C-alpha atoms as a PDB file:
ATOM      1  CA  MET A   1      17.856  10.152  -3.492  1.00  0.00           C
ATOM      2  CA  VAL A   2      16.659   6.752  -3.998  1.00  0.00           C
ATOM      3  CA  ARG A   3      15.160   6.729  -0.385  1.00  0.00           C
ATOM      4  CA  LYS A   4      13.443   9.642  -1.022  1.00  0.00           C
ATOM      5  CA  LEU A   5      11.887   8.226  -4.402  1.00  0.00           C
ATOM      6  CA  ILE A   6      11.030   4.850  -2.495  1.00  0.00           C
ATOM      7  CA  LEU A   7       9.332   6.999   0.257  1.00  0.00           C
ATOM      8  CA  ALA A   8       7.412   9.141  -1.868  1.00  0.00           C
ATOM      9  CA  PHE A   9       6.103   6.343  -4.054  1.00  0.00           C
ATOM     10  CA  GLY A  10       5.024   4.372  -0.761  1.00  0.00           C
ATOM     11  CA  ALA A  11       3.131   7.474   0.176  1.00  0.00           C
ATOM     12  CA  THR A  12       1.307   7.725  -3.340  1.00  0.00           C
ATOM     13  CA  VAL A  13       0.382   4.209  -3.104  1.00  0.00           C
ATOM     14  CA  LEU A  14      -0.720   4.372   0.294  1.00  0.00           C
ATOM     15  CA  GLY A  15      -2.651   7.453  -0.328  1.00  0.00           C
ATOM     16  CA  LEU A  16      -4.517   5.909  -3.564  1.00  0.00           C
ATOM     17  CA  SER A  17      -5.124   2.768  -1.521  1.00  0.00           C
ATOM     18  CA  ALA A  18      -7.037   4.824   1.128  1.00  0.00           C
ATOM     19  CA  ALA A  19      -8.862   6.951  -1.495  1.00  0.00           C
ATOM     20  CA  ALA A  20     -10.173   3.610  -2.993  1.00  0.00           C
ATOM     21  CA  CYS A  21     -11.360   2.005   0.308  1.00  0.00           C
ATOM     22  CA  ASN A  22     -14.780   2.652   1.541  1.00  0.00           C
ATOM     23  CA  THR A  23     -14.913   0.930   4.730  1.00  0.00           C
ATOM     24  CA  ILE A  24     -12.280  -0.065   7.493  1.00  0.00           C
ATOM     25  CA  ASP A  25     -12.718  -3.822   6.499  1.00  0.00           C
ATOM     26  CA  GLY A  26     -12.059  -3.041   2.824  1.00  0.00           C
ATOM     27  CA  ALA A  27      -8.814  -1.234   3.948  1.00  0.00           C
ATOM     28  CA  GLY A  28      -7.791  -4.218   6.030  1.00  0.00           C
ATOM     29  CA  GLU A  29      -8.285  -6.415   3.191  1.00  0.00           C
ATOM     30  CA  ASP A  30      -6.121  -4.269   0.785  1.00  0.00           C
ATOM     31  CA  ILE A  31      -3.436  -3.920   3.310  1.00  0.00           C
ATOM     32  CA  GLU A  32      -3.379  -7.852   3.866  1.00  0.00           C
ATOM     33  CA  SER A  33      -3.100  -8.266   0.023  1.00  0.00           C
ATOM     34  CA  VAL A  34      -0.350  -5.922  -0.371  1.00  0.00           C
ATOM     35  CA  ALA A  35       1.322  -7.631   2.310  1.00  0.00           C
ATOM     36  CA  ASN A  36       0.889 -11.046   0.912  1.00  0.00           C
ATOM     37  CA  GLU A  37       2.079  -9.619  -2.627  1.00  0.00           C
ATOM     38  CA  VAL A  38       5.157  -8.484  -0.746  1.00  0.00           C
ATOM     39  CA  ASP A  39       5.890 -11.635   0.872  1.00  0.00           C
ATOM     40  CA  GLU A  40       5.544 -13.530  -2.363  1.00  0.00           C
ATOM     41  CA  GLU A  41       8.142 -11.293  -4.157  1.00  0.00           C
ATOM     42  CA  ILE A  42      10.723 -11.827  -1.409  1.00  0.00           C
END
């Protein structure tokens, strides 16, 4: 159950992030930003 919720949340965030990006470069920057935030939290 928790795994499904995490997967759904991740898919939602990915979808919203992709919708917010206008260019491939912007998408790369967003992905890098998310990765850096995850690294800082871990």
